[in-house]
N, C-alpha and C. Protein backbone atom coordinates (compact mmCIF):
# COMPACT_ATOMS: atom_id res chain seq x y z
N UNK A 1 33.82 -16.13 4.93
CA UNK A 1 32.43 -15.85 4.50
C UNK A 1 32.16 -15.19 3.24
N UNK A 2 31.18 -15.44 2.45
CA UNK A 2 30.89 -14.80 1.14
C UNK A 2 30.57 -13.33 1.37
N UNK A 3 31.16 -12.51 0.50
CA UNK A 3 30.76 -11.04 0.59
C UNK A 3 29.34 -10.83 0.28
N UNK A 4 28.66 -10.11 1.23
CA UNK A 4 27.22 -9.87 1.05
C UNK A 4 27.07 -8.50 0.38
N UNK A 5 26.02 -8.31 -0.36
CA UNK A 5 25.69 -6.89 -0.92
C UNK A 5 25.44 -5.99 0.27
N UNK A 6 25.99 -4.80 -0.03
CA UNK A 6 25.82 -3.73 1.18
C UNK A 6 24.37 -3.36 1.22
N UNK A 7 23.71 -3.83 2.35
CA UNK A 7 22.34 -3.37 2.58
C UNK A 7 22.25 -2.81 4.03
N UNK A 8 21.62 -1.64 4.20
CA UNK A 8 21.48 -1.16 5.59
C UNK A 8 20.80 -2.17 6.44
N UNK A 9 21.29 -2.50 7.64
CA UNK A 9 20.73 -3.44 8.48
C UNK A 9 19.36 -3.07 9.05
N UNK A 10 19.05 -1.80 8.99
CA UNK A 10 17.89 -1.29 9.44
C UNK A 10 16.63 -1.74 8.70
N UNK A 11 16.87 -1.94 7.31
CA UNK A 11 15.70 -2.19 6.51
C UNK A 11 15.95 -3.45 5.51
N UNK A 12 16.06 -4.53 6.17
CA UNK A 12 16.10 -5.81 5.18
C UNK A 12 14.66 -6.13 4.63
N UNK A 13 13.65 -5.84 5.53
CA UNK A 13 12.27 -6.18 4.99
C UNK A 13 11.92 -5.32 3.78
N UNK A 14 12.31 -3.97 3.87
CA UNK A 14 11.97 -3.03 2.77
C UNK A 14 12.64 -3.43 1.62
N UNK A 15 13.90 -3.93 1.60
CA UNK A 15 14.61 -4.28 0.38
C UNK A 15 13.92 -5.55 -0.26
N UNK A 16 13.57 -6.51 0.79
CA UNK A 16 12.87 -7.80 0.25
C UNK A 16 11.58 -7.45 -0.48
N UNK A 17 10.84 -6.50 0.21
CA UNK A 17 9.56 -6.08 -0.35
C UNK A 17 9.77 -5.50 -1.70
N UNK A 18 10.85 -4.60 -1.81
CA UNK A 18 11.08 -3.90 -3.05
C UNK A 18 11.44 -5.04 -4.21
N UNK A 19 12.09 -6.01 -3.85
CA UNK A 19 12.39 -7.03 -4.80
C UNK A 19 11.18 -7.77 -5.28
N UNK A 20 10.29 -8.00 -4.28
CA UNK A 20 9.01 -8.69 -4.64
C UNK A 20 8.21 -7.83 -5.58
N UNK A 21 8.19 -6.53 -5.15
CA UNK A 21 7.40 -5.54 -6.07
C UNK A 21 7.97 -5.51 -7.48
N UNK A 22 9.28 -5.53 -7.59
CA UNK A 22 9.98 -5.48 -8.88
C UNK A 22 9.66 -6.78 -9.63
N UNK A 23 9.58 -7.89 -8.91
CA UNK A 23 9.24 -9.24 -9.57
C UNK A 23 7.88 -9.13 -10.09
N UNK A 24 6.82 -8.59 -9.35
CA UNK A 24 5.48 -8.68 -9.87
C UNK A 24 5.09 -7.33 -10.51
N UNK A 25 6.07 -6.49 -10.83
CA UNK A 25 5.68 -5.11 -11.34
C UNK A 25 5.06 -5.36 -12.74
N UNK A 26 5.62 -6.21 -13.61
CA UNK A 26 5.16 -6.38 -14.98
C UNK A 26 3.69 -6.97 -14.96
N UNK A 27 3.58 -7.95 -13.94
CA UNK A 27 2.27 -8.65 -13.86
C UNK A 27 1.17 -7.69 -13.34
N UNK A 28 1.58 -6.71 -12.34
CA UNK A 28 0.66 -5.82 -11.68
C UNK A 28 0.34 -4.60 -12.58
N UNK A 29 1.16 -4.34 -13.61
CA UNK A 29 1.05 -3.06 -14.22
C UNK A 29 -0.43 -2.84 -14.78
N UNK A 30 -1.07 -3.83 -15.13
CA UNK A 30 -2.43 -3.72 -15.70
C UNK A 30 -3.38 -3.39 -14.53
N UNK A 31 -3.15 -3.89 -13.35
CA UNK A 31 -4.16 -3.84 -12.34
C UNK A 31 -3.82 -2.72 -11.30
N UNK A 32 -2.70 -1.91 -11.51
CA UNK A 32 -2.28 -0.96 -10.64
C UNK A 32 -3.36 0.22 -10.58
N UNK A 33 -3.88 0.53 -11.76
CA UNK A 33 -4.83 1.64 -11.82
C UNK A 33 -6.11 1.35 -11.11
N UNK A 34 -6.65 0.06 -11.43
CA UNK A 34 -7.68 -0.62 -10.72
C UNK A 34 -7.57 -0.56 -9.14
N UNK A 35 -6.44 -0.92 -8.78
CA UNK A 35 -6.13 -0.97 -7.36
C UNK A 35 -6.23 0.43 -6.67
N UNK A 36 -5.59 1.37 -7.39
CA UNK A 36 -5.66 2.79 -6.86
C UNK A 36 -7.05 3.26 -6.79
N UNK A 37 -7.77 3.00 -7.86
CA UNK A 37 -9.22 3.50 -7.87
C UNK A 37 -9.97 2.73 -6.72
N UNK A 38 -9.67 1.55 -6.47
CA UNK A 38 -10.35 0.80 -5.40
C UNK A 38 -10.03 1.42 -4.06
N UNK A 39 -8.70 1.63 -3.75
CA UNK A 39 -8.27 2.28 -2.53
C UNK A 39 -8.88 3.54 -2.28
N UNK A 40 -8.92 4.44 -3.40
CA UNK A 40 -9.49 5.77 -3.18
C UNK A 40 -11.00 5.67 -2.96
N UNK A 41 -11.72 4.80 -3.62
CA UNK A 41 -13.03 4.59 -3.50
C UNK A 41 -13.40 4.22 -2.03
N UNK A 42 -12.71 3.18 -1.40
CA UNK A 42 -13.02 2.78 -0.16
C UNK A 42 -12.64 3.89 0.80
N UNK A 43 -11.51 4.67 0.55
CA UNK A 43 -11.12 5.71 1.52
C UNK A 43 -12.32 6.76 1.58
N UNK A 44 -12.88 7.06 0.38
CA UNK A 44 -13.87 8.14 0.35
C UNK A 44 -15.02 7.59 1.08
N UNK A 45 -15.48 6.31 0.85
CA UNK A 45 -16.63 5.75 1.52
C UNK A 45 -16.46 5.70 3.07
N UNK A 46 -15.30 5.36 3.49
CA UNK A 46 -14.93 5.23 5.00
C UNK A 46 -15.02 6.71 5.56
N UNK A 47 -14.45 7.70 4.82
CA UNK A 47 -14.48 9.03 5.39
C UNK A 47 -15.85 9.56 5.52
N UNK A 48 -16.68 9.40 4.38
CA UNK A 48 -18.14 9.80 4.44
C UNK A 48 -18.85 9.09 5.60
N UNK A 49 -18.68 7.84 5.72
CA UNK A 49 -19.37 7.04 6.71
C UNK A 49 -18.99 7.57 8.15
N UNK A 50 -17.67 7.85 8.45
CA UNK A 50 -17.24 8.41 9.68
C UNK A 50 -17.89 9.79 9.97
N UNK A 51 -17.78 10.54 8.90
CA UNK A 51 -18.44 11.93 9.05
C UNK A 51 -19.97 11.88 9.39
N UNK A 52 -20.61 10.96 8.68
CA UNK A 52 -22.00 10.82 8.94
C UNK A 52 -22.36 10.26 10.26
N UNK A 53 -21.53 9.31 10.80
CA UNK A 53 -21.71 8.84 12.16
C UNK A 53 -21.50 9.96 13.21
N UNK A 54 -20.35 10.70 12.98
CA UNK A 54 -20.09 11.85 13.92
C UNK A 54 -21.22 12.83 13.89
N UNK A 55 -21.78 13.17 12.74
CA UNK A 55 -22.89 14.21 12.69
C UNK A 55 -24.18 13.58 13.33
N UNK A 56 -24.31 12.25 13.22
CA UNK A 56 -25.51 11.67 13.89
C UNK A 56 -25.27 11.73 15.31
N UNK A 57 -24.02 11.43 15.86
CA UNK A 57 -23.84 11.32 17.23
C UNK A 57 -23.93 12.67 17.83
N UNK A 58 -23.55 13.74 17.11
CA UNK A 58 -23.61 15.07 17.70
C UNK A 58 -25.07 15.52 18.06
N UNK A 59 -25.97 15.16 17.28
CA UNK A 59 -27.34 15.51 17.48
C UNK A 59 -27.90 15.05 18.81
């Protein structure tokens, strides 16, 4: 059998995902900041919505 690169058998998916990320890193570099802003924005909106619903349910 051909020698395989030493990869922990517990995480083949992580290595594959890392390779995909490396492959698309250059293309994504411009959109990374926009993606982070979008994620933070949606997170804040969801947190405020949940807190508002909880406050409304308490009354």
